């Protein structure tokens, strides 16, 4: 195993541990299944049990050690010259790093529609419905791609969303995560599509240096229940922030899939986007 492979595996293990910690923290919040098949930037707070999002990564984070000593990780440092400043630059980045169906695996295919409408972002409206709206001034570009793994061998079809949003400033990106933590308090039941709802939502935030987060400036994990018709399934939603960019993956469970199996689908996919954004922005942990 080369250094890069070892580093990616170590990062995945830390991400898994962080998600597991959030799931334990939120254990009483969501039953059954969930999958917010909407966009990035929609996560909710579990009330006083969920730590609040932080705008600044912690400089004092320490890495776990398996052999005795480990280097103290440092926050991601983007190259200012590579951070998108215009809509055209941001659009180029989101198209490069937002996962296509093939990036999930050989059996995956595009949903219909396969992607969000250009020049829009997902917004939770006053009636607790997810809608696509024109980009606000705080967002330079946003793209969501929708993929699915067809059911086979007695299992149902798993649906996922990969989404990337480039904000005008770090503060704007951080505000997205803060809003994400508050939305479930306002909307305990959210309408994703005409026949799809999510409910029983809970979320936790892990700024850099907390709960095993040594890979992103900030992260939010959301769990809940996804309901289509009369069938409830597991829903998971993860969002990471690096500089002005937020990356998100949502997973809608299906018959025959355990929650940990859905996490094993979501986290490697999210880390692919995380590594791509790091490469595009020219910084490194």
C-alpha atoms as a PDB file:
ATOM      1  CA  UNK A   1       0.000   0.000   0.000  1.00  0.00           C
ATOM      2  CA  UNK A   2       1.613   3.307  -1.074  1.00  0.00           C
ATOM      3  CA  UNK A   3       1.533   6.511   0.989  1.00  0.00           C
ATOM      4  CA  UNK A   4      -1.390   7.982  -0.947  1.00  0.00           C
ATOM      5  CA  UNK A   5      -3.470   4.815  -0.588  1.00  0.00           C
ATOM      6  CA  UNK A   6      -2.685   4.685   3.113  1.00  0.00           C
ATOM      7  CA  UNK A   7      -3.597   8.330   3.551  1.00  0.00           C
ATOM      8  CA  UNK A   8      -6.935   7.882   1.752  1.00  0.00           C
ATOM      9  CA  UNK A   9      -7.779   4.819   3.853  1.00  0.00           C
ATOM     10  CA  UNK A  10      -6.844   6.671   7.050  1.00  0.00           C
ATOM     11  CA  UNK A  11      -9.034   9.601   6.040  1.00  0.00           C
ATOM     12  CA  UNK A  12     -11.967   7.269   5.268  1.00  0.00           C
ATOM     13  CA  UNK A  13     -11.590   5.584   8.655  1.00  0.00           C
ATOM     14  CA  UNK A  14     -11.575   8.949  10.445  1.00  0.00           C
ATOM     15  CA  UNK A  15     -14.649  10.029   8.492  1.00  0.00           C
ATOM     16  CA  UNK A  16     -16.412   6.782   9.367  1.00  0.00           C
ATOM     17  CA  UNK A  17     -15.565   7.255  13.047  1.00  0.00           C
ATOM     18  CA  UNK A  18     -16.886  10.802  12.953  1.00  0.00           C
ATOM     19  CA  UNK A  19     -20.130   9.709  11.274  1.00  0.00           C
ATOM     20  CA  UNK A  20     -20.506   6.900  13.800  1.00  0.00           C
ATOM     21  CA  UNK A  21     -20.054   9.377  16.639  1.00  0.00           C
ATOM     22  CA  UNK A  22     -22.747  11.601  15.144  1.00  0.00           C
ATOM     23  CA  UNK A  23     -25.065   8.627  14.721  1.00  0.00           C
ATOM     24  CA  UNK A  24     -24.545   7.711  18.373  1.00  0.00           C
ATOM     25  CA  UNK A  25     -25.179  11.301  19.414  1.00  0.00           C
ATOM     26  CA  UNK A  26     -28.380  11.368  17.381  1.00  0.00           C
ATOM     27  CA  UNK A  27     -29.412   7.802  18.065  1.00  0.00           C
ATOM     28  CA  UNK A  28     -32.801   8.710  19.461  1.00  0.00           C
ATOM     29  CA  UNK A  29     -33.646  11.207  16.730  1.00  0.00           C
ATOM     30  CA  UNK A  30     -34.357   9.182  13.612  1.00  0.00           C
ATOM     31  CA  UNK A  31     -36.063   5.862  13.077  1.00  0.00           C
ATOM     32  CA  UNK A  32     -36.257   3.759   9.968  1.00  0.00           C
ATOM     33  CA  UNK A  33     -34.843   5.350   6.856  1.00  0.00           C
ATOM     34  CA  UNK A  34     -33.895   8.563   5.337  1.00  0.00           C
ATOM     35  CA  UNK A  35     -32.475  10.161   2.240  1.00  0.00           C
ATOM     36  CA  UNK A  36     -32.784  13.786   1.527  1.00  0.00           C
ATOM     37  CA  UNK A  37     -32.477  13.528  -2.210  1.00  0.00           C
ATOM     38  CA  UNK A  38     -32.453  17.305  -2.499  1.00  0.00           C
ATOM     39  CA  UNK A  39     -29.263  19.386  -2.575  1.00  0.00           C
ATOM     40  CA  UNK A  40     -26.375  20.494  -0.406  1.00  0.00           C
ATOM     41  CA  UNK A  41     -26.752  22.805   2.512  1.00  0.00           C
ATOM     42  CA  UNK A  42     -29.858  21.336   4.083  1.00  0.00           C
ATOM     43  CA  UNK A  43     -29.229  19.764   7.430  1.00  0.00           C
ATOM     44  CA  UNK A  44     -30.923  20.240  10.728  1.00  0.00           C
ATOM     45  CA  UNK A  45     -30.149  20.644  14.346  1.00  0.00           C
ATOM     46  CA  UNK A  46     -30.877  18.098  16.996  1.00  0.00           C
ATOM     47  CA  UNK A  47     -31.360  20.873  19.481  1.00  0.00           C
ATOM     48  CA  UNK A  48     -29.095  21.183  22.500  1.00  0.00           C
ATOM     49  CA  UNK A  49     -27.447  17.817  21.861  1.00  0.00           C
ATOM     50  CA  UNK A  50     -25.889  18.906  18.581  1.00  0.00           C
ATOM     51  CA  UNK A  51     -22.707  20.979  18.663  1.00  0.00           C
ATOM     52  CA  UNK A  52     -22.993  24.217  16.750  1.00  0.00           C
ATOM     53  CA  UNK A  53     -21.177  24.861  13.485  1.00  0.00           C
ATOM     54  CA  UNK A  54     -17.967  26.836  13.622  1.00  0.00           C
ATOM     55  CA  UNK A  55     -16.677  29.271  11.039  1.00  0.00           C
ATOM     56  CA  UNK A  56     -12.995  28.811  11.853  1.00  0.00           C
ATOM     57  CA  UNK A  57     -11.104  25.526  11.892  1.00  0.00           C
ATOM     58  CA  UNK A  58      -9.368  24.697  15.131  1.00  0.00           C
ATOM     59  CA  UNK A  59      -5.549  25.073  15.051  1.00  0.00           C
ATOM     60  CA  UNK A  60      -5.107  22.701  17.993  1.00  0.00           C
ATOM     61  CA  UNK A  61      -6.520  19.506  16.553  1.00  0.00           C
ATOM     62  CA  UNK A  62      -4.577  16.330  17.266  1.00  0.00           C
ATOM     63  CA  UNK A  63      -4.440  13.172  15.165  1.00  0.00           C
ATOM     64  CA  UNK A  64      -5.076   9.770  16.649  1.00  0.00           C
ATOM     65  CA  UNK A  65      -1.948   7.660  16.883  1.00  0.00           C
ATOM     66  CA  UNK A  66      -1.768   3.975  16.090  1.00  0.00           C
ATOM     67  CA  UNK A  67       1.944   3.409  16.550  1.00  0.00           C
ATOM     68  CA  UNK A  68       2.994   5.929  19.150  1.00  0.00           C
ATOM     69  CA  UNK A  69       3.414   9.256  17.382  1.00  0.00           C
ATOM     70  CA  UNK A  70       1.510  11.105  14.696  1.00  0.00           C
ATOM     71  CA  UNK A  71       1.883  14.507  13.130  1.00  0.00           C
ATOM     72  CA  UNK A  72      -0.584  17.124  14.291  1.00  0.00           C
ATOM     73  CA  UNK A  73      -2.870  17.881  11.324  1.00  0.00           C
ATOM     74  CA  UNK A  74      -3.289  21.439  10.135  1.00  0.00           C
ATOM     75  CA  UNK A  75      -6.357  23.063   8.559  1.00  0.00           C
ATOM     76  CA  UNK A  76      -6.649  23.004   4.793  1.00  0.00           C
ATOM     77  CA  UNK A  77      -4.950  26.003   3.183  1.00  0.00           C
ATOM     78  CA  UNK A  78      -6.337  26.894  -0.233  1.00  0.00           C
ATOM     79  CA  UNK A  79      -4.255  28.817  -2.741  1.00  0.00           C
ATOM     80  CA  UNK A  80      -6.045  32.206  -2.921  1.00  0.00           C
ATOM     81  CA  UNK A  81      -5.278  32.398  -6.643  1.00  0.00           C
ATOM     82  CA  UNK A  82      -7.222  29.163  -7.249  1.00  0.00           C
ATOM     83  CA  UNK A  83     -10.343  29.940  -5.204  1.00  0.00           C
ATOM     84  CA  UNK A  84     -13.179  30.758  -7.676  1.00  0.00           C
ATOM     85  CA  UNK A  85     -14.058  34.446  -7.735  1.00  0.00           C
ATOM     86  CA  UNK A  86     -16.455  34.504 -10.681  1.00  0.00           C
ATOM     87  CA  UNK A  87     -19.490  32.523 -11.715  1.00  0.00           C
ATOM     88  CA  UNK A  88     -17.639  31.069 -14.694  1.00  0.00           C
ATOM     89  CA  UNK A  89     -14.754  29.837 -12.528  1.00  0.00           C
ATOM     90  CA  UNK A  90     -17.165  28.392  -9.967  1.00  0.00           C
ATOM     91  CA  UNK A  91     -19.238  26.663 -12.643  1.00  0.00           C
ATOM     92  CA  UNK A  92     -16.099  25.033 -14.029  1.00  0.00           C
ATOM     93  CA  UNK A  93     -15.177  23.710 -10.578  1.00  0.00           C
ATOM     94  CA  UNK A  94     -18.580  22.234  -9.721  1.00  0.00           C
ATOM     95  CA  UNK A  95     -18.770  20.438 -13.075  1.00  0.00           C
ATOM     96  CA  UNK A  96     -15.330  18.911 -12.501  1.00  0.00           C
ATOM     97  CA  UNK A  97     -15.810  17.662  -8.956  1.00  0.00           C
ATOM     98  CA  UNK A  98     -19.514  16.741  -8.633  1.00  0.00           C
ATOM     99  CA  UNK A  99     -19.686  12.966  -8.990  1.00  0.00           C
ATOM    100  CA  UNK A 100     -21.049  11.390 -12.149  1.00  0.00           C
ATOM    101  CA  UNK A 101     -22.951   8.065 -11.806  1.00  0.00           C
ATOM    102  CA  UNK A 102     -19.901   6.101 -12.994  1.00  0.00           C
ATOM    103  CA  UNK A 103     -17.846   7.482 -10.085  1.00  0.00           C
ATOM    104  CA  UNK A 104     -20.076   5.566  -7.650  1.00  0.00           C
ATOM    105  CA  UNK A 105     -19.372   2.223  -9.298  1.00  0.00           C
ATOM    106  CA  UNK A 106     -19.943   0.178 -12.476  1.00  0.00           C
ATOM    107  CA  UNK A 107     -23.582  -0.693 -11.731  1.00  0.00           C
ATOM    108  CA  UNK A 108     -24.742   2.863 -11.036  1.00  0.00           C
ATOM    109  CA  UNK A 109     -26.820   4.913 -13.461  1.00  0.00           C
ATOM    110  CA  UNK A 110     -28.265   8.421 -13.666  1.00  0.00           C
ATOM    111  CA  UNK A 111     -31.680   9.173 -12.202  1.00  0.00           C
ATOM    112  CA  UNK A 112     -34.188  11.215 -14.166  1.00  0.00           C
ATOM    113  CA  UNK A 113     -33.563  14.089 -14.053  1.00  0.00           C
ATOM    114  CA  UNK A 114     -29.815  13.434 -13.911  1.00  0.00           C
ATOM    115  CA  UNK A 115     -28.816  16.899 -12.647  1.00  0.00           C
ATOM    116  CA  UNK A 116     -30.184  20.111 -11.196  1.00  0.00           C
ATOM    117  CA  UNK A 117     -31.196  23.050 -13.380  1.00  0.00           C
ATOM    118  CA  UNK A 118     -28.281  25.384 -14.210  1.00  0.00           C
ATOM    119  CA  UNK A 119     -28.104  28.647 -12.280  1.00  0.00           C
ATOM    120  CA  UNK A 120     -30.185  27.385  -9.347  1.00  0.00           C
ATOM    121  CA  UNK A 121     -29.707  26.264  -5.766  1.00  0.00           C
ATOM    122  CA  UNK A 122     -31.947  24.234  -3.440  1.00  0.00           C
ATOM    123  CA  UNK A 123     -33.921  26.253  -0.885  1.00  0.00           C
ATOM    124  CA  UNK A 124     -36.256  25.120   1.903  1.00  0.00           C
ATOM    125  CA  UNK A 125     -39.241  27.450   1.509  1.00  0.00           C
ATOM    126  CA  UNK A 126     -41.707  28.762   4.072  1.00  0.00           C
ATOM    127  CA  UNK A 127     -43.968  25.729   3.514  1.00  0.00           C
ATOM    128  CA  UNK A 128     -41.064  23.345   4.278  1.00  0.00           C
ATOM    129  CA  UNK A 129     -40.732  22.262   0.654  1.00  0.00           C
ATOM    130  CA  UNK A 130     -37.421  21.938  -1.156  1.00  0.00           C
ATOM    131  CA  UNK A 131     -37.399  24.140  -4.254  1.00  0.00           C
ATOM    132  CA  UNK A 132     -34.821  25.120  -6.891  1.00  0.00           C
ATOM    133  CA  UNK A 133     -34.361  28.891  -6.876  1.00  0.00           C
ATOM    134  CA  UNK A 134     -32.066  31.290  -8.783  1.00  0.00           C
ATOM    135  CA  UNK A 135     -28.612  31.681  -7.254  1.00  0.00           C
ATOM    136  CA  UNK A 136     -28.426  34.376  -4.574  1.00  0.00           C
ATOM    137  CA  UNK A 137     -25.504  36.827  -4.495  1.00  0.00           C
ATOM    138  CA  UNK A 138     -23.807  34.669  -1.855  1.00  0.00           C
ATOM    139  CA  UNK A 139     -23.532  31.672  -4.228  1.00  0.00           C
ATOM    140  CA  UNK A 140     -21.379  31.626  -7.378  1.00  0.00           C
ATOM    141  CA  UNK A 141     -22.420  28.177  -8.646  1.00  0.00           C
ATOM    142  CA  UNK A 142     -24.179  25.024  -7.476  1.00  0.00           C
ATOM    143  CA  UNK A 143     -24.669  21.621  -9.083  1.00  0.00           C
ATOM    144  CA  UNK A 144     -26.385  18.431  -7.968  1.00  0.00           C
ATOM    145  CA  UNK A 145     -26.160  15.109  -9.791  1.00  0.00           C
ATOM    146  CA  UNK A 146     -28.624  12.304  -9.032  1.00  0.00           C
ATOM    147  CA  UNK A 147     -27.621   8.659  -9.342  1.00  0.00           C
ATOM    148  CA  UNK A 148     -29.083   5.293  -8.376  1.00  0.00           C
ATOM    149  CA  UNK A 149     -28.059   1.681  -7.853  1.00  0.00           C
ATOM    150  CA  UNK A 150     -30.825  -0.520  -9.362  1.00  0.00           C
ATOM    151  CA  UNK A 151     -32.284  -3.150  -7.069  1.00  0.00           C
ATOM    152  CA  UNK A 152     -31.093  -6.746  -7.428  1.00  0.00           C
ATOM    153  CA  UNK A 153     -30.997  -9.929  -5.370  1.00  0.00           C
ATOM    154  CA  UNK A 154     -33.962  -8.963  -3.231  1.00  0.00           C
ATOM    155  CA  UNK A 155     -32.646  -5.455  -2.526  1.00  0.00           C
ATOM    156  CA  UNK A 156     -34.339  -2.220  -3.499  1.00  0.00           C
ATOM    157  CA  UNK A 157     -32.985   0.713  -5.503  1.00  0.00           C
ATOM    158  CA  UNK A 158     -30.670   3.060  -3.612  1.00  0.00           C
ATOM    159  CA  UNK A 159     -30.822   6.714  -4.692  1.00  0.00           C
ATOM    160  CA  UNK A 160     -28.094   9.242  -4.014  1.00  0.00           C
ATOM    161  CA  UNK A 161     -27.335  12.901  -4.616  1.00  0.00           C
ATOM    162  CA  UNK A 162     -23.861  14.425  -4.994  1.00  0.00           C
ATOM    163  CA  UNK A 163     -23.841  18.209  -4.741  1.00  0.00           C
ATOM    164  CA  UNK A 164     -21.211  20.937  -4.766  1.00  0.00           C
ATOM    165  CA  UNK A 165     -21.755  24.636  -4.089  1.00  0.00           C
ATOM    166  CA  UNK A 166     -19.214  27.442  -4.443  1.00  0.00           C
ATOM    167  CA  UNK A 167     -19.919  30.456  -2.242  1.00  0.00           C
ATOM    168  CA  UNK A 168     -18.772  34.023  -2.670  1.00  0.00           C
ATOM    169  CA  UNK A 169     -16.891  34.005   0.660  1.00  0.00           C
ATOM    170  CA  UNK A 170     -15.879  31.611   3.430  1.00  0.00           C
ATOM    171  CA  UNK A 171     -18.395  33.341   5.679  1.00  0.00           C
ATOM    172  CA  UNK A 172     -21.176  32.593   3.170  1.00  0.00           C
ATOM    173  CA  UNK A 173     -20.148  28.927   3.028  1.00  0.00           C
ATOM    174  CA  UNK A 174     -20.046  28.728   6.801  1.00  0.00           C
ATOM    175  CA  UNK A 175     -23.503  30.290   7.001  1.00  0.00           C
ATOM    176  CA  UNK A 176     -24.818  27.445   4.869  1.00  0.00           C
ATOM    177  CA  UNK A 177     -23.732  24.932   7.511  1.00  0.00           C
ATOM    178  CA  UNK A 178     -25.209  27.061  10.301  1.00  0.00           C
ATOM    179  CA  UNK A 179     -28.516  27.255   8.436  1.00  0.00           C
ATOM    180  CA  UNK A 180     -28.354  23.524   7.904  1.00  0.00           C
ATOM    181  CA  UNK A 181     -28.299  23.002  11.656  1.00  0.00           C
ATOM    182  CA  UNK A 182     -31.367  25.168  12.184  1.00  0.00           C
ATOM    183  CA  UNK A 183     -33.718  24.012   9.424  1.00  0.00           C
ATOM    184  CA  UNK A 184     -35.124  20.927  11.202  1.00  0.00           C
ATOM    185  CA  UNK A 185     -36.183  23.129  14.086  1.00  0.00           C
ATOM    186  CA  UNK A 186     -38.282  25.155  11.654  1.00  0.00           C
ATOM    187  CA  UNK A 187     -39.409  22.197   9.533  1.00  0.00           C
ATOM    188  CA  UNK A 188     -39.658  18.864  11.325  1.00  0.00           C
ATOM    189  CA  UNK A 189     -41.227  17.368   8.191  1.00  0.00           C
ATOM    190  CA  UNK A 190     -39.771  18.412   4.822  1.00  0.00           C
ATOM    191  CA  UNK A 191     -41.180  17.766   1.357  1.00  0.00           C
ATOM    192  CA  UNK A 192     -38.428  16.672  -1.038  1.00  0.00           C
ATOM    193  CA  UNK A 193     -40.586  15.840  -4.053  1.00  0.00           C
ATOM    194  CA  UNK A 194     -44.314  15.380  -4.599  1.00  0.00           C
ATOM    195  CA  UNK A 195     -44.336  11.843  -3.150  1.00  0.00           C
ATOM    196  CA  UNK A 196     -41.213  12.034  -0.964  1.00  0.00           C
ATOM    197  CA  UNK A 197     -40.772  13.361   2.569  1.00  0.00           C
ATOM    198  CA  UNK A 198     -38.065  13.357   5.195  1.00  0.00           C
ATOM    199  CA  UNK A 199     -38.750  13.590   8.905  1.00  0.00           C
ATOM    200  CA  UNK A 200     -37.427  12.751  12.399  1.00  0.00           C
ATOM    201  CA  UNK A 201     -34.297  14.688  11.521  1.00  0.00           C
ATOM    202  CA  UNK A 202     -31.271  15.204  13.724  1.00  0.00           C
ATOM    203  CA  UNK A 203     -27.800  16.476  12.920  1.00  0.00           C
ATOM    204  CA  UNK A 204     -24.394  17.153  14.442  1.00  0.00           C
ATOM    205  CA  UNK A 205     -21.571  19.448  13.376  1.00  0.00           C
ATOM    206  CA  UNK A 206     -17.863  18.677  13.728  1.00  0.00           C
ATOM    207  CA  UNK A 207     -15.558  21.641  13.057  1.00  0.00           C
ATOM    208  CA  UNK A 208     -11.965  20.844  12.162  1.00  0.00           C
ATOM    209  CA  UNK A 209     -10.229  19.196  15.095  1.00  0.00           C
ATOM    210  CA  UNK A 210     -13.370  17.884  16.772  1.00  0.00           C
ATOM    211  CA  UNK A 211     -14.923  14.378  16.739  1.00  0.00           C
ATOM    212  CA  UNK A 212     -12.210  12.997  14.473  1.00  0.00           C
ATOM    213  CA  UNK A 213     -12.547  15.673  11.800  1.00  0.00           C
ATOM    214  CA  UNK A 214      -9.010  16.231  10.502  1.00  0.00           C
ATOM    215  CA  UNK A 215      -9.946  16.531   6.810  1.00  0.00           C
ATOM    216  CA  UNK A 216     -12.462  19.383   6.372  1.00  0.00           C
ATOM    217  CA  UNK A 217     -12.843  22.898   7.721  1.00  0.00           C
ATOM    218  CA  UNK A 218     -16.274  21.889   8.969  1.00  0.00           C
ATOM    219  CA  UNK A 219     -18.759  19.058   8.515  1.00  0.00           C
ATOM    220  CA  UNK A 220     -22.387  18.266   9.266  1.00  0.00           C
ATOM    221  CA  UNK A 221     -23.998  14.824   9.443  1.00  0.00           C
ATOM    222  CA  UNK A 222     -27.766  14.483   9.274  1.00  0.00           C
ATOM    223  CA  UNK A 223     -29.866  11.399   9.921  1.00  0.00           C
ATOM    224  CA  UNK A 224     -33.590  10.893   9.707  1.00  0.00           C
ATOM    225  CA  UNK A 225     -36.409   8.992   8.056  1.00  0.00           C
ATOM    226  CA  UNK A 226     -37.239   9.033   4.354  1.00  0.00           C
ATOM    227  CA  UNK A 227     -40.819   8.242   3.381  1.00  0.00           C
ATOM    228  CA  UNK A 228     -42.185   7.498  -0.066  1.00  0.00           C
ATOM    229  CA  UNK A 229     -45.718   6.128  -0.146  1.00  0.00           C
ATOM    230  CA  UNK A 230     -46.016   4.089   3.056  1.00  0.00           C
ATOM    231  CA  UNK A 231     -42.463   2.790   3.108  1.00  0.00           C
ATOM    232  CA  UNK A 232     -39.888   4.371   5.443  1.00  0.00           C
ATOM    233  CA  UNK A 233     -36.194   3.896   4.763  1.00  0.00           C
ATOM    234  CA  UNK A 234     -32.930   5.128   6.167  1.00  0.00           C
ATOM    235  CA  UNK A 235     -31.776   8.598   5.176  1.00  0.00           C
ATOM    236  CA  UNK A 236     -28.244   9.936   5.545  1.00  0.00           C
ATOM    237  CA  UNK A 237     -26.902  13.320   4.530  1.00  0.00           C
ATOM    238  CA  UNK A 238     -23.321  14.565   4.861  1.00  0.00           C
ATOM    239  CA  UNK A 239     -21.856  17.966   4.056  1.00  0.00           C
ATOM    240  CA  UNK A 240     -18.208  19.073   4.202  1.00  0.00           C
ATOM    241  CA  UNK A 241     -16.741  22.549   3.798  1.00  0.00           C
ATOM    242  CA  UNK A 242     -13.320  23.465   2.429  1.00  0.00           C
ATOM    243  CA  UNK A 243     -12.682  27.191   2.084  1.00  0.00           C
ATOM    244  CA  UNK A 244     -15.634  28.607   0.083  1.00  0.00           C
ATOM    245  CA  UNK A 245     -16.770  25.211  -1.240  1.00  0.00           C
ATOM    246  CA  UNK A 246     -19.357  22.907   0.308  1.00  0.00           C
ATOM    247  CA  UNK A 247     -19.729  19.290  -0.822  1.00  0.00           C
ATOM    248  CA  UNK A 248     -22.683  17.088   0.066  1.00  0.00           C
ATOM    249  CA  UNK A 249     -23.888  13.533  -0.385  1.00  0.00           C
ATOM    250  CA  UNK A 250     -27.358  12.297   0.496  1.00  0.00           C
ATOM    251  CA  UNK A 251     -28.368   8.639   0.485  1.00  0.00           C
ATOM    252  CA  UNK A 252     -31.910   7.272   0.315  1.00  0.00           C
ATOM    253  CA  UNK A 253     -31.992   3.780   1.724  1.00  0.00           C
ATOM    254  CA  UNK A 254     -33.842   0.842   0.252  1.00  0.00           C
ATOM    255  CA  UNK A 255     -35.084  -2.626   1.213  1.00  0.00           C
ATOM    256  CA  UNK A 256     -32.216  -4.898   2.202  1.00  0.00           C
ATOM    257  CA  UNK A 257     -29.687  -2.181   3.129  1.00  0.00           C
ATOM    258  CA  UNK A 258     -28.415  -1.585   6.670  1.00  0.00           C
ATOM    259  CA  UNK A 259     -27.485   1.967   7.752  1.00  0.00           C
ATOM    260  CA  UNK A 260     -23.787   1.047   7.905  1.00  0.00           C
ATOM    261  CA  UNK A 261     -23.943  -0.201   4.305  1.00  0.00           C
ATOM    262  CA  UNK A 262     -25.324   3.162   3.222  1.00  0.00           C
ATOM    263  CA  UNK A 263     -22.513   4.939   5.056  1.00  0.00           C
ATOM    264  CA  UNK A 264     -20.013   2.746   3.221  1.00  0.00           C
ATOM    265  CA  UNK A 265     -21.536   3.989  -0.027  1.00  0.00           C
ATOM    266  CA  UNK A 266     -21.690   7.651   0.943  1.00  0.00           C
ATOM    267  CA  UNK A 267     -18.411   8.375   2.690  1.00  0.00           C
ATOM    268  CA  UNK A 268     -15.955   7.161   0.017  1.00  0.00           C
ATOM    269  CA  UNK A 269     -17.973   9.116  -2.573  1.00  0.00           C
ATOM    270  CA  UNK A 270     -17.832  12.257  -0.484  1.00  0.00           C
ATOM    271  CA  UNK A 271     -14.113  11.839   0.072  1.00  0.00           C
ATOM    272  CA  UNK A 272     -13.589  11.592  -3.687  1.00  0.00           C
ATOM    273  CA  UNK A 273     -15.125  15.050  -4.019  1.00  0.00           C
ATOM    274  CA  UNK A 274     -13.172  16.324  -1.024  1.00  0.00           C
ATOM    275  CA  UNK A 275      -9.875  15.215  -2.578  1.00  0.00           C
ATOM    276  CA  UNK A 276     -10.874  16.689  -5.942  1.00  0.00           C
ATOM    277  CA  UNK A 277     -11.654  20.045  -4.360  1.00  0.00           C
ATOM    278  CA  UNK A 278      -8.329  19.994  -2.513  1.00  0.00           C
ATOM    279  CA  UNK A 279      -6.566  19.357  -5.798  1.00  0.00           C
ATOM    280  CA  UNK A 280      -8.475  22.129  -7.603  1.00  0.00           C
ATOM    281  CA  UNK A 281      -7.868  24.681  -4.842  1.00  0.00           C
ATOM    282  CA  UNK A 282      -4.199  23.841  -4.640  1.00  0.00           C
ATOM    283  CA  UNK A 283      -3.957  23.334  -0.891  1.00  0.00           C
ATOM    284  CA  UNK A 284      -3.233  20.293   1.221  1.00  0.00           C
ATOM    285  CA  UNK A 285      -3.747  19.169   4.792  1.00  0.00           C
END
